[in-house]
C-alpha cells in the first residue's frame, strides 16, 4: 500500500484513472498547465534586488504535481507555443519572441526548465512532495538544474570574461529562496488535504 501511494502524484488523486476518461483528464491538465506557466511567467512581484517572477515556481510545482511524463508533455507544449511566437515567456515581447527569444540569454534556462520538470516529477513519484524538508531539497535540486544550463549558455553566448554570475544567478537567489519555501509548504499541505478528503 505504501509503495503504491508513493508512485502517485497529486493529479492522480482525482478524476478518471484509465481509458478515455484518463486521456481527457490528461489533455485538460496539459492545456491548464500551459496556461498556468504562461500566466506565471508574466507575474512580477517587487523584491530586492530584482523583481521576482513566478515562472520557475510554476515550472517546479507543476513538475511535482504532474509527474515526469505528463509534466514533460506540458513543458514541451509550452515551449512549442513560445517557439511559434506567442508571448508566453517572461520578458518576451514583440521585439524578441519565438525562436529569436529562445536562442537569446534565456535559452539555457528554458532547457533547465525541461530538466527540472523531469527531476521534480521523478522525485514526486518517490514521495518527496509529501514532506516539507524533502520538497525543499527537490526544489533546490530543480533550481540547480535550471541555473546550470542557463549560466553555461550565458557564458557561451556573451563570453566567460563577462560577469555571468552577476547577470544570471546572484540577483535571483533571494526570490528563489522564497519560492522554494512556498513550494516546500504548498505541496505537502495539498497532500494533507487529499488525505483528509479521503478519510
N, C-alpha and C. Protein backbone atom coordinates (compact mmCIF):
# COMPACT_ATOMS: atom_id res chain seq x y z
N UNK A 1 0.84 -1.21 0.00
CA UNK A 1 0.00 0.00 0.00
C UNK A 1 0.87 1.26 0.00
N UNK A 2 1.95 1.24 0.80
CA UNK A 2 2.84 2.40 0.86
C UNK A 2 3.52 2.63 -0.48
N UNK A 3 3.97 1.52 -1.13
CA UNK A 3 4.66 1.64 -2.41
C UNK A 3 3.74 2.23 -3.45
N UNK A 4 2.50 1.74 -3.50
CA UNK A 4 1.54 2.26 -4.48
C UNK A 4 1.29 3.74 -4.25
N UNK A 5 1.19 4.14 -2.98
CA UNK A 5 0.93 5.54 -2.67
C UNK A 5 2.10 6.41 -3.13
N UNK A 6 3.31 5.92 -2.92
CA UNK A 6 4.48 6.69 -3.29
C UNK A 6 4.63 6.82 -4.81
N UNK A 7 3.93 6.01 -5.55
CA UNK A 7 4.02 6.09 -7.00
C UNK A 7 3.00 7.06 -7.59
N UNK A 8 2.17 7.63 -6.75
CA UNK A 8 1.18 8.58 -7.26
C UNK A 8 1.63 10.01 -7.04
N UNK A 9 1.16 10.89 -7.92
CA UNK A 9 1.38 12.33 -7.76
C UNK A 9 0.01 12.98 -7.57
N UNK A 10 0.01 14.27 -7.30
CA UNK A 10 -1.26 14.92 -6.94
C UNK A 10 -2.35 14.75 -7.99
N UNK A 11 -2.00 14.85 -9.27
CA UNK A 11 -3.05 14.77 -10.29
C UNK A 11 -3.63 13.38 -10.42
N UNK A 12 -2.96 12.38 -9.83
CA UNK A 12 -3.51 11.02 -9.85
C UNK A 12 -4.63 10.84 -8.84
N UNK A 13 -4.80 11.78 -7.94
CA UNK A 13 -5.72 11.61 -6.82
C UNK A 13 -7.15 12.02 -7.14
N UNK A 14 -7.39 12.53 -8.33
CA UNK A 14 -8.76 12.93 -8.69
C UNK A 14 -9.04 12.57 -10.14
N UNK A 15 -10.31 12.45 -10.45
CA UNK A 15 -10.73 12.20 -11.83
C UNK A 15 -10.48 10.77 -12.26
N UNK A 16 -10.65 10.55 -13.56
CA UNK A 16 -10.52 9.22 -14.14
C UNK A 16 -9.10 8.68 -14.00
N UNK A 17 -8.99 7.37 -13.91
CA UNK A 17 -7.67 6.74 -13.77
C UNK A 17 -7.35 5.79 -14.92
N UNK A 18 -8.26 5.64 -15.87
CA UNK A 18 -7.98 4.77 -17.00
C UNK A 18 -8.91 5.11 -18.16
N UNK A 19 -8.55 4.58 -19.33
CA UNK A 19 -9.40 4.70 -20.50
C UNK A 19 -9.50 6.11 -21.06
N UNK A 20 -10.62 6.34 -21.74
CA UNK A 20 -10.86 7.62 -22.40
C UNK A 20 -10.94 8.75 -21.38
N UNK A 21 -11.51 8.47 -20.23
CA UNK A 21 -11.61 9.49 -19.19
C UNK A 21 -10.25 9.99 -18.75
N UNK A 22 -9.30 9.06 -18.61
CA UNK A 22 -7.95 9.45 -18.22
C UNK A 22 -7.29 10.31 -19.29
N UNK A 23 -7.45 9.93 -20.55
CA UNK A 23 -6.85 10.70 -21.65
C UNK A 23 -7.45 12.11 -21.70
N UNK A 24 -8.77 12.19 -21.48
CA UNK A 24 -9.42 13.51 -21.48
C UNK A 24 -8.90 14.36 -20.31
N UNK A 25 -8.76 13.74 -19.15
CA UNK A 25 -8.23 14.46 -17.99
C UNK A 25 -6.82 14.95 -18.26
N UNK A 26 -5.99 14.11 -18.84
CA UNK A 26 -4.61 14.49 -19.14
C UNK A 26 -4.55 15.65 -20.14
N UNK A 27 -5.44 15.61 -21.15
CA UNK A 27 -5.47 16.70 -22.14
C UNK A 27 -5.83 18.02 -21.47
N UNK A 28 -6.83 17.98 -20.58
CA UNK A 28 -7.24 19.18 -19.85
C UNK A 28 -6.10 19.68 -18.98
N UNK A 29 -5.40 18.77 -18.31
CA UNK A 29 -4.29 19.15 -17.44
C UNK A 29 -3.14 19.78 -18.22
N UNK A 30 -2.86 19.25 -19.41
CA UNK A 30 -1.79 19.82 -20.24
C UNK A 30 -2.15 21.25 -20.64
N UNK A 31 -3.39 21.45 -21.10
CA UNK A 31 -3.83 22.79 -21.51
C UNK A 31 -3.81 23.75 -20.31
N UNK A 32 -4.33 23.28 -19.17
CA UNK A 32 -4.33 24.12 -17.97
C UNK A 32 -2.91 24.43 -17.50
N UNK A 33 -2.02 23.44 -17.60
CA UNK A 33 -0.63 23.64 -17.20
C UNK A 33 0.08 24.66 -18.07
N UNK A 34 -0.14 24.58 -19.37
CA UNK A 34 0.47 25.55 -20.30
C UNK A 34 -0.03 26.96 -19.98
N UNK A 35 -1.34 27.07 -19.74
CA UNK A 35 -1.92 28.38 -19.41
C UNK A 35 -1.34 28.91 -18.11
N UNK A 36 -1.19 28.03 -17.11
CA UNK A 36 -0.62 28.43 -15.82
C UNK A 36 0.82 28.92 -15.99
N UNK A 37 1.62 28.20 -16.76
CA UNK A 37 3.01 28.59 -16.98
C UNK A 37 3.09 29.94 -17.69
N UNK A 38 2.20 30.14 -18.67
CA UNK A 38 2.21 31.40 -19.42
C UNK A 38 1.84 32.58 -18.53
N UNK A 39 0.83 32.40 -17.68
CA UNK A 39 0.40 33.47 -16.78
C UNK A 39 1.46 33.73 -15.72
N UNK A 40 2.00 32.66 -15.14
CA UNK A 40 3.00 32.82 -14.08
C UNK A 40 4.25 33.53 -14.58
N UNK A 41 4.62 33.29 -15.84
CA UNK A 41 5.81 33.93 -16.40
C UNK A 41 5.67 35.45 -16.47
N UNK A 42 4.44 35.94 -16.52
CA UNK A 42 4.21 37.38 -16.63
C UNK A 42 4.06 38.07 -15.28
N UNK A 43 3.97 37.27 -14.21
CA UNK A 43 3.80 37.84 -12.87
C UNK A 43 5.14 38.29 -12.33
N UNK A 44 5.23 39.53 -11.90
CA UNK A 44 6.45 40.07 -11.30
C UNK A 44 6.11 40.69 -9.95
N UNK A 45 6.71 40.15 -8.92
CA UNK A 45 6.48 40.66 -7.57
C UNK A 45 7.66 41.55 -7.18
N UNK A 46 7.40 42.80 -6.79
CA UNK A 46 8.50 43.69 -6.39
C UNK A 46 9.34 43.08 -5.26
N UNK A 47 10.63 43.07 -5.43
CA UNK A 47 11.53 42.45 -4.46
C UNK A 47 12.92 43.02 -4.66
N UNK A 48 13.73 42.97 -3.60
CA UNK A 48 15.13 43.37 -3.70
C UNK A 48 15.98 42.12 -3.94
N UNK A 49 16.97 42.11 -4.81
CA UNK A 49 17.45 43.25 -5.61
C UNK A 49 16.77 43.37 -6.97
N UNK A 50 16.00 42.33 -7.37
CA UNK A 50 15.26 42.38 -8.63
C UNK A 50 13.86 41.85 -8.38
N UNK A 51 12.88 42.22 -9.23
CA UNK A 51 11.54 41.65 -9.08
C UNK A 51 11.56 40.13 -9.21
N UNK A 52 10.67 39.47 -8.49
CA UNK A 52 10.58 38.01 -8.53
C UNK A 52 9.53 37.62 -9.56
N UNK A 53 9.92 36.81 -10.52
CA UNK A 53 8.94 36.26 -11.46
C UNK A 53 8.52 34.89 -10.96
N UNK A 54 7.30 34.51 -11.27
CA UNK A 54 6.76 33.26 -10.73
C UNK A 54 6.90 32.09 -11.70
N UNK A 55 7.61 32.31 -12.80
CA UNK A 55 7.75 31.26 -13.80
C UNK A 55 8.42 30.01 -13.27
N UNK A 56 9.55 30.16 -12.58
CA UNK A 56 10.26 28.98 -12.08
C UNK A 56 9.43 28.25 -11.02
N UNK A 57 8.73 29.00 -10.19
CA UNK A 57 7.86 28.39 -9.18
C UNK A 57 6.81 27.52 -9.85
N UNK A 58 6.17 28.06 -10.90
CA UNK A 58 5.13 27.32 -11.61
C UNK A 58 5.70 26.08 -12.28
N UNK A 59 6.89 26.20 -12.88
CA UNK A 59 7.52 25.06 -13.55
C UNK A 59 7.79 23.94 -12.55
N UNK A 60 8.41 24.27 -11.43
CA UNK A 60 8.78 23.26 -10.45
C UNK A 60 7.56 22.66 -9.76
N UNK A 61 6.59 23.49 -9.40
CA UNK A 61 5.39 22.98 -8.75
C UNK A 61 4.59 22.10 -9.71
N UNK A 62 4.50 22.52 -10.97
CA UNK A 62 3.79 21.72 -11.96
C UNK A 62 4.47 20.37 -12.15
N UNK A 63 5.80 20.37 -12.22
CA UNK A 63 6.52 19.11 -12.36
C UNK A 63 6.21 18.15 -11.24
N UNK A 64 6.18 18.66 -10.02
CA UNK A 64 5.89 17.81 -8.86
C UNK A 64 4.44 17.33 -8.86
N UNK A 65 3.52 18.20 -9.20
CA UNK A 65 2.10 17.84 -9.17
C UNK A 65 1.71 16.90 -10.31
N UNK A 66 2.38 17.05 -11.48
CA UNK A 66 2.01 16.28 -12.67
C UNK A 66 2.79 14.97 -12.81
N UNK A 67 3.98 14.90 -12.25
CA UNK A 67 4.84 13.76 -12.52
C UNK A 67 5.66 14.01 -13.77
N UNK A 68 6.69 13.20 -13.97
CA UNK A 68 7.66 13.45 -15.05
C UNK A 68 7.04 13.37 -16.43
N UNK A 69 6.22 12.35 -16.69
CA UNK A 69 5.72 12.14 -18.05
C UNK A 69 4.74 13.24 -18.47
N UNK A 70 3.70 13.46 -17.68
CA UNK A 70 2.72 14.50 -18.02
C UNK A 70 3.35 15.88 -17.93
N UNK A 71 4.25 16.07 -16.98
CA UNK A 71 4.96 17.34 -16.86
C UNK A 71 5.80 17.62 -18.09
N UNK A 72 6.47 16.59 -18.62
CA UNK A 72 7.28 16.77 -19.82
C UNK A 72 6.43 17.17 -21.01
N UNK A 73 5.31 16.50 -21.20
CA UNK A 73 4.40 16.87 -22.31
C UNK A 73 3.96 18.32 -22.16
N UNK A 74 3.65 18.73 -20.94
CA UNK A 74 3.16 20.09 -20.69
C UNK A 74 4.25 21.13 -20.96
N UNK A 75 5.45 20.91 -20.45
CA UNK A 75 6.51 21.90 -20.63
C UNK A 75 6.93 21.97 -22.10
N UNK A 76 6.93 20.83 -22.80
CA UNK A 76 7.28 20.86 -24.23
C UNK A 76 6.18 21.58 -25.03
N UNK A 77 4.92 21.40 -24.63
CA UNK A 77 3.84 22.14 -25.28
C UNK A 77 3.99 23.64 -25.07
N UNK A 78 4.37 24.01 -23.85
CA UNK A 78 4.63 25.42 -23.53
C UNK A 78 5.76 25.97 -24.39
N UNK A 79 6.85 25.21 -24.53
CA UNK A 79 7.98 25.64 -25.36
C UNK A 79 7.57 25.78 -26.82
N UNK A 80 6.76 24.84 -27.31
CA UNK A 80 6.31 24.89 -28.70
C UNK A 80 5.49 26.14 -28.97
N UNK A 81 4.57 26.45 -28.06
CA UNK A 81 3.75 27.66 -28.22
C UNK A 81 4.64 28.90 -28.20
N UNK A 82 5.63 28.91 -27.30
CA UNK A 82 6.57 30.03 -27.26
C UNK A 82 7.39 30.13 -28.54
N UNK A 83 7.81 28.97 -29.09
CA UNK A 83 8.61 28.97 -30.31
C UNK A 83 7.81 29.50 -31.50
N UNK A 84 6.50 29.34 -31.45
CA UNK A 84 5.64 29.83 -32.53
C UNK A 84 5.43 31.34 -32.46
N UNK A 85 5.96 31.97 -31.42
CA UNK A 85 5.91 33.42 -31.34
C UNK A 85 4.91 34.00 -30.36
N UNK A 86 4.19 33.14 -29.66
CA UNK A 86 3.24 33.65 -28.68
C UNK A 86 3.98 34.15 -27.43
N UNK A 87 3.46 35.19 -26.81
CA UNK A 87 4.12 35.85 -25.69
C UNK A 87 3.84 35.09 -24.40
N UNK A 88 4.56 33.99 -24.19
CA UNK A 88 4.32 33.16 -23.02
C UNK A 88 5.52 33.11 -22.08
N UNK A 89 6.63 33.73 -22.48
CA UNK A 89 7.84 33.71 -21.65
C UNK A 89 8.01 35.02 -20.91
N UNK A 90 8.67 34.95 -19.75
CA UNK A 90 8.98 36.17 -19.00
C UNK A 90 9.94 37.02 -19.83
N UNK A 91 9.58 38.27 -20.08
CA UNK A 91 10.47 39.17 -20.79
C UNK A 91 10.36 39.12 -22.29
N UNK A 92 9.57 38.18 -22.83
CA UNK A 92 9.39 38.17 -24.28
C UNK A 92 8.49 39.31 -24.69
N UNK A 93 8.63 39.73 -25.94
CA UNK A 93 7.86 40.88 -26.42
C UNK A 93 7.77 40.80 -27.93
N UNK A 94 7.14 41.80 -28.51
CA UNK A 94 7.03 41.85 -29.97
C UNK A 94 8.40 41.96 -30.62
N UNK A 95 9.35 42.60 -29.92
CA UNK A 95 10.69 42.78 -30.48
C UNK A 95 11.51 41.49 -30.42
N UNK A 96 11.28 40.67 -29.39
CA UNK A 96 12.04 39.43 -29.24
C UNK A 96 11.10 38.34 -28.76
N UNK A 97 10.64 37.50 -29.67
CA UNK A 97 9.74 36.42 -29.31
C UNK A 97 10.10 35.19 -30.13
N UNK A 98 9.40 34.10 -29.88
CA UNK A 98 9.62 32.89 -30.65
C UNK A 98 11.03 32.37 -30.51
N UNK A 99 11.55 31.79 -31.58
CA UNK A 99 12.89 31.20 -31.54
C UNK A 99 13.97 32.25 -31.30
N UNK A 100 13.73 33.48 -31.76
CA UNK A 100 14.71 34.55 -31.52
C UNK A 100 14.90 34.76 -30.02
N UNK A 101 13.81 34.82 -29.30
CA UNK A 101 13.89 34.99 -27.85
C UNK A 101 14.50 33.76 -27.20
N UNK A 102 14.09 32.58 -27.64
CA UNK A 102 14.54 31.34 -27.03
C UNK A 102 16.04 31.10 -27.22
N UNK A 103 16.59 31.64 -28.29
CA UNK A 103 18.02 31.48 -28.54
C UNK A 103 18.85 32.58 -27.90
N UNK A 104 18.19 33.53 -27.25
CA UNK A 104 18.89 34.61 -26.56
C UNK A 104 19.37 34.16 -25.19
N UNK A 105 19.55 35.14 -24.29
CA UNK A 105 20.10 34.85 -22.98
C UNK A 105 19.29 33.90 -22.13
N UNK A 106 17.99 33.76 -22.43
CA UNK A 106 17.11 32.89 -21.64
C UNK A 106 17.17 31.44 -22.09
N UNK A 107 17.78 31.17 -23.23
CA UNK A 107 17.73 29.84 -23.82
C UNK A 107 18.16 28.72 -22.91
N UNK A 108 19.26 28.91 -22.20
CA UNK A 108 19.74 27.86 -21.31
C UNK A 108 18.80 27.58 -20.16
N UNK A 109 18.15 28.63 -19.67
CA UNK A 109 17.21 28.45 -18.57
C UNK A 109 15.98 27.66 -19.03
N UNK A 110 15.58 27.86 -20.28
CA UNK A 110 14.45 27.10 -20.81
C UNK A 110 14.79 25.62 -20.91
N UNK A 111 16.01 25.31 -21.29
CA UNK A 111 16.47 23.91 -21.27
C UNK A 111 16.41 23.38 -19.84
N UNK A 112 16.84 24.22 -18.91
CA UNK A 112 16.80 23.84 -17.50
C UNK A 112 15.39 23.57 -17.01
N UNK A 113 14.41 24.30 -17.54
CA UNK A 113 13.02 24.05 -17.18
C UNK A 113 12.64 22.60 -17.47
N UNK A 114 13.02 22.12 -18.64
CA UNK A 114 12.68 20.75 -19.03
C UNK A 114 13.34 19.75 -18.07
N UNK A 115 14.62 19.96 -17.78
CA UNK A 115 15.33 19.07 -16.88
C UNK A 115 14.71 19.10 -15.48
N UNK A 116 14.33 20.29 -15.03
CA UNK A 116 13.77 20.44 -13.68
C UNK A 116 12.41 19.77 -13.57
N UNK A 117 11.59 19.88 -14.60
CA UNK A 117 10.28 19.21 -14.59
C UNK A 117 10.45 17.70 -14.48
N UNK A 118 11.38 17.15 -15.25
CA UNK A 118 11.64 15.70 -15.18
C UNK A 118 12.11 15.30 -13.78
N UNK A 119 13.01 16.09 -13.21
CA UNK A 119 13.54 15.77 -11.89
C UNK A 119 12.46 15.87 -10.82
N UNK A 120 11.70 16.96 -10.82
CA UNK A 120 10.66 17.14 -9.80
C UNK A 120 9.57 16.08 -9.92
N UNK A 121 9.22 15.75 -11.16
CA UNK A 121 8.22 14.70 -11.37
C UNK A 121 8.69 13.36 -10.86
N UNK A 122 9.95 13.04 -11.10
CA UNK A 122 10.52 11.78 -10.64
C UNK A 122 10.59 11.73 -9.12
N UNK A 123 11.05 12.80 -8.50
CA UNK A 123 11.14 12.85 -7.05
C UNK A 123 9.76 12.80 -6.40
N UNK A 124 8.77 13.44 -7.04
CA UNK A 124 7.41 13.39 -6.51
C UNK A 124 6.88 11.96 -6.52
N UNK A 125 7.20 11.21 -7.56
CA UNK A 125 6.79 9.80 -7.62
C UNK A 125 7.43 8.98 -6.51
N UNK A 126 8.54 9.46 -6.00
CA UNK A 126 9.22 8.78 -4.89
C UNK A 126 8.72 9.29 -3.53
N UNK A 127 7.76 10.21 -3.55
CA UNK A 127 7.17 10.69 -2.31
C UNK A 127 7.80 11.94 -1.72
N UNK A 128 8.71 12.58 -2.44
CA UNK A 128 9.39 13.75 -1.89
C UNK A 128 8.45 14.94 -1.74
N UNK A 129 7.33 14.96 -2.43
CA UNK A 129 6.41 16.11 -2.35
C UNK A 129 5.49 16.02 -1.14
N UNK A 130 5.63 14.98 -0.33
CA UNK A 130 4.78 14.82 0.84
C UNK A 130 5.42 15.36 2.12
N UNK A 131 6.70 15.68 2.04
CA UNK A 131 7.46 16.16 3.19
C UNK A 131 8.07 17.52 2.89
N UNK A 132 7.89 18.48 3.78
CA UNK A 132 8.43 19.82 3.56
C UNK A 132 9.94 19.82 3.38
N UNK A 133 10.72 19.13 4.24
CA UNK A 133 12.17 19.12 4.03
C UNK A 133 12.58 18.49 2.70
N UNK A 134 11.94 17.37 2.34
CA UNK A 134 12.28 16.72 1.07
C UNK A 134 11.85 17.57 -0.12
N UNK A 135 10.69 18.22 0.00
CA UNK A 135 10.23 19.08 -1.09
C UNK A 135 11.16 20.27 -1.25
N UNK A 136 11.67 20.80 -0.15
CA UNK A 136 12.65 21.88 -0.22
C UNK A 136 13.91 21.40 -0.94
N UNK A 137 14.35 20.18 -0.62
CA UNK A 137 15.51 19.62 -1.30
C UNK A 137 15.26 19.41 -2.78
N UNK A 138 14.07 18.95 -3.12
CA UNK A 138 13.71 18.75 -4.53
C UNK A 138 13.70 20.08 -5.28
N UNK A 139 13.14 21.11 -4.64
CA UNK A 139 13.11 22.43 -5.25
C UNK A 139 14.52 22.98 -5.44
N UNK A 140 15.38 22.77 -4.46
CA UNK A 140 16.76 23.22 -4.57
C UNK A 140 17.45 22.53 -5.74
N UNK A 141 17.27 21.23 -5.85
CA UNK A 141 17.85 20.47 -6.95
C UNK A 141 17.29 20.96 -8.29
N UNK A 142 15.98 21.22 -8.33
CA UNK A 142 15.37 21.74 -9.56
C UNK A 142 15.94 23.08 -9.96
N UNK A 143 16.17 23.95 -8.98
CA UNK A 143 16.77 25.25 -9.26
C UNK A 143 18.18 25.11 -9.82
N UNK A 144 18.95 24.17 -9.27
CA UNK A 144 20.30 23.92 -9.78
C UNK A 144 20.23 23.48 -11.24
N UNK A 145 19.27 22.61 -11.55
CA UNK A 145 19.13 22.12 -12.92
C UNK A 145 18.71 23.23 -13.88
N UNK A 146 18.05 24.26 -13.38
CA UNK A 146 17.69 25.41 -14.22
C UNK A 146 18.90 26.32 -14.40
N UNK A 147 19.62 26.56 -13.32
CA UNK A 147 20.72 27.53 -13.37
C UNK A 147 21.94 27.02 -14.14
N UNK A 148 22.26 25.75 -14.01
CA UNK A 148 23.48 25.25 -14.65
C UNK A 148 23.46 25.44 -16.17
N UNK A 149 22.45 24.93 -16.89
CA UNK A 149 22.45 25.20 -18.34
C UNK A 149 22.25 26.67 -18.66
N UNK A 150 21.52 27.39 -17.79
CA UNK A 150 21.31 28.82 -18.02
C UNK A 150 22.61 29.59 -17.99
N UNK A 151 23.43 29.32 -16.99
CA UNK A 151 24.70 30.03 -16.86
C UNK A 151 25.71 29.59 -17.92
N UNK A 152 25.70 28.31 -18.24
CA UNK A 152 26.59 27.82 -19.31
C UNK A 152 26.26 28.51 -20.63
N UNK A 153 24.95 28.61 -20.93
CA UNK A 153 24.54 29.26 -22.18
C UNK A 153 24.92 30.73 -22.19
N UNK A 154 24.74 31.42 -21.07
CA UNK A 154 25.14 32.83 -20.99
C UNK A 154 26.64 32.98 -21.26
N UNK A 155 27.45 32.10 -20.67
CA UNK A 155 28.88 32.16 -20.89
C UNK A 155 29.26 31.92 -22.33
N UNK A 156 28.59 30.96 -22.96
CA UNK A 156 28.87 30.66 -24.36
C UNK A 156 28.41 31.80 -25.27
N UNK A 157 27.31 32.43 -24.90
CA UNK A 157 26.72 33.46 -25.73
C UNK A 157 27.47 34.79 -25.64
N UNK A 158 27.86 35.17 -24.44
CA UNK A 158 28.44 36.50 -24.23
C UNK A 158 29.92 36.49 -23.88
N UNK A 159 30.46 35.29 -23.56
CA UNK A 159 31.87 35.21 -23.22
C UNK A 159 32.07 35.04 -21.73
N UNK A 160 33.05 34.21 -21.37
CA UNK A 160 33.28 33.89 -19.96
C UNK A 160 34.00 35.01 -19.22
N UNK A 161 34.44 36.03 -19.97
CA UNK A 161 35.07 37.17 -19.30
C UNK A 161 34.03 38.14 -18.74
N UNK A 162 32.76 37.92 -19.07
CA UNK A 162 31.68 38.78 -18.58
C UNK A 162 31.25 38.31 -17.18
N UNK A 163 30.58 39.20 -16.42
CA UNK A 163 30.13 38.82 -15.05
C UNK A 163 28.88 37.94 -15.11
N UNK A 164 29.06 36.71 -15.55
CA UNK A 164 27.95 35.80 -15.78
C UNK A 164 27.12 35.55 -14.52
N UNK A 165 27.79 35.32 -13.40
CA UNK A 165 27.06 35.06 -12.16
C UNK A 165 26.25 36.27 -11.71
N UNK A 166 26.79 37.46 -11.91
CA UNK A 166 26.07 38.69 -11.55
C UNK A 166 24.88 38.92 -12.47
N UNK A 167 24.97 38.46 -13.69
CA UNK A 167 23.86 38.61 -14.63
C UNK A 167 22.77 37.55 -14.40
N UNK A 168 23.20 36.32 -14.18
CA UNK A 168 22.23 35.23 -14.25
C UNK A 168 22.01 34.41 -13.00
N UNK A 169 22.63 34.77 -11.87
CA UNK A 169 22.45 33.96 -10.67
C UNK A 169 22.19 34.78 -9.42
N UNK A 170 23.19 35.54 -8.98
CA UNK A 170 23.11 36.16 -7.65
C UNK A 170 21.92 37.10 -7.44
N UNK A 171 21.46 37.86 -8.45
CA UNK A 171 20.31 38.74 -8.18
C UNK A 171 19.02 37.99 -7.89
N UNK A 172 18.97 36.71 -8.26
CA UNK A 172 17.72 35.96 -8.16
C UNK A 172 17.65 35.03 -6.97
N UNK A 173 18.73 34.95 -6.18
CA UNK A 173 18.78 33.97 -5.11
C UNK A 173 17.78 34.24 -3.99
N UNK A 174 17.57 35.51 -3.66
CA UNK A 174 16.60 35.84 -2.60
C UNK A 174 15.20 35.40 -3.01
N UNK A 175 14.80 35.76 -4.21
CA UNK A 175 13.47 35.37 -4.70
C UNK A 175 13.32 33.87 -4.80
N UNK A 176 14.37 33.18 -5.25
CA UNK A 176 14.30 31.73 -5.37
C UNK A 176 14.17 31.06 -4.01
N UNK A 177 14.82 31.62 -3.01
CA UNK A 177 14.70 31.06 -1.66
C UNK A 177 13.26 31.17 -1.16
N UNK A 178 12.61 32.29 -1.45
CA UNK A 178 11.22 32.46 -1.04
C UNK A 178 10.30 31.49 -1.79
N UNK A 179 10.54 31.32 -3.08
CA UNK A 179 9.72 30.39 -3.87
C UNK A 179 9.94 28.96 -3.42
N UNK A 180 11.17 28.64 -3.06
CA UNK A 180 11.48 27.30 -2.55
C UNK A 180 10.67 27.04 -1.27
N UNK A 181 10.65 28.01 -0.38
CA UNK A 181 9.91 27.86 0.87
C UNK A 181 8.41 27.71 0.61
N UNK A 182 7.89 28.47 -0.34
CA UNK A 182 6.46 28.38 -0.68
C UNK A 182 6.11 26.98 -1.16
N UNK A 183 6.90 26.45 -2.09
CA UNK A 183 6.61 25.13 -2.64
C UNK A 183 6.79 24.04 -1.59
N UNK A 184 7.79 24.22 -0.71
CA UNK A 184 8.04 23.23 0.33
C UNK A 184 6.86 23.12 1.28
N UNK A 185 6.10 24.19 1.43
CA UNK A 185 4.92 24.17 2.28
C UNK A 185 3.66 23.80 1.50
N UNK A 186 3.56 24.25 0.25
CA UNK A 186 2.33 24.08 -0.53
C UNK A 186 2.05 22.64 -0.90
N UNK A 187 3.04 21.94 -1.45
CA UNK A 187 2.80 20.57 -1.92
C UNK A 187 2.47 19.61 -0.78
N UNK A 188 3.23 19.59 0.31
CA UNK A 188 2.83 18.72 1.42
C UNK A 188 1.46 19.08 1.99
N UNK A 189 1.14 20.38 2.02
CA UNK A 189 -0.18 20.80 2.51
C UNK A 189 -1.28 20.27 1.61
N UNK A 190 -1.04 20.27 0.30
CA UNK A 190 -2.02 19.74 -0.64
C UNK A 190 -2.25 18.25 -0.39
N UNK A 191 -1.19 17.51 -0.09
CA UNK A 191 -1.33 16.09 0.20
C UNK A 191 -2.11 15.87 1.49
N UNK A 192 -1.93 16.71 2.47
CA UNK A 192 -2.70 16.58 3.72
C UNK A 192 -4.19 16.80 3.45
N UNK A 193 -4.50 17.75 2.58
CA UNK A 193 -5.90 17.97 2.20
C UNK A 193 -6.47 16.76 1.49
N UNK A 194 -5.68 16.15 0.62
CA UNK A 194 -6.13 14.95 -0.08
C UNK A 194 -6.41 13.83 0.91
N UNK A 195 -5.51 13.68 1.90
CA UNK A 195 -5.69 12.65 2.91
C UNK A 195 -6.96 12.87 3.72
N UNK A 196 -7.24 14.13 4.07
CA UNK A 196 -8.46 14.43 4.83
C UNK A 196 -9.70 14.17 4.01
N UNK A 197 -9.64 14.50 2.71
CA UNK A 197 -10.79 14.29 1.84
C UNK A 197 -11.11 12.80 1.68
N UNK A 198 -10.09 11.95 1.74
CA UNK A 198 -10.28 10.52 1.57
C UNK A 198 -10.72 9.83 2.86
N UNK A 199 -10.45 10.49 4.00
CA UNK A 199 -10.77 9.84 5.29
C UNK A 199 -12.23 10.09 5.69
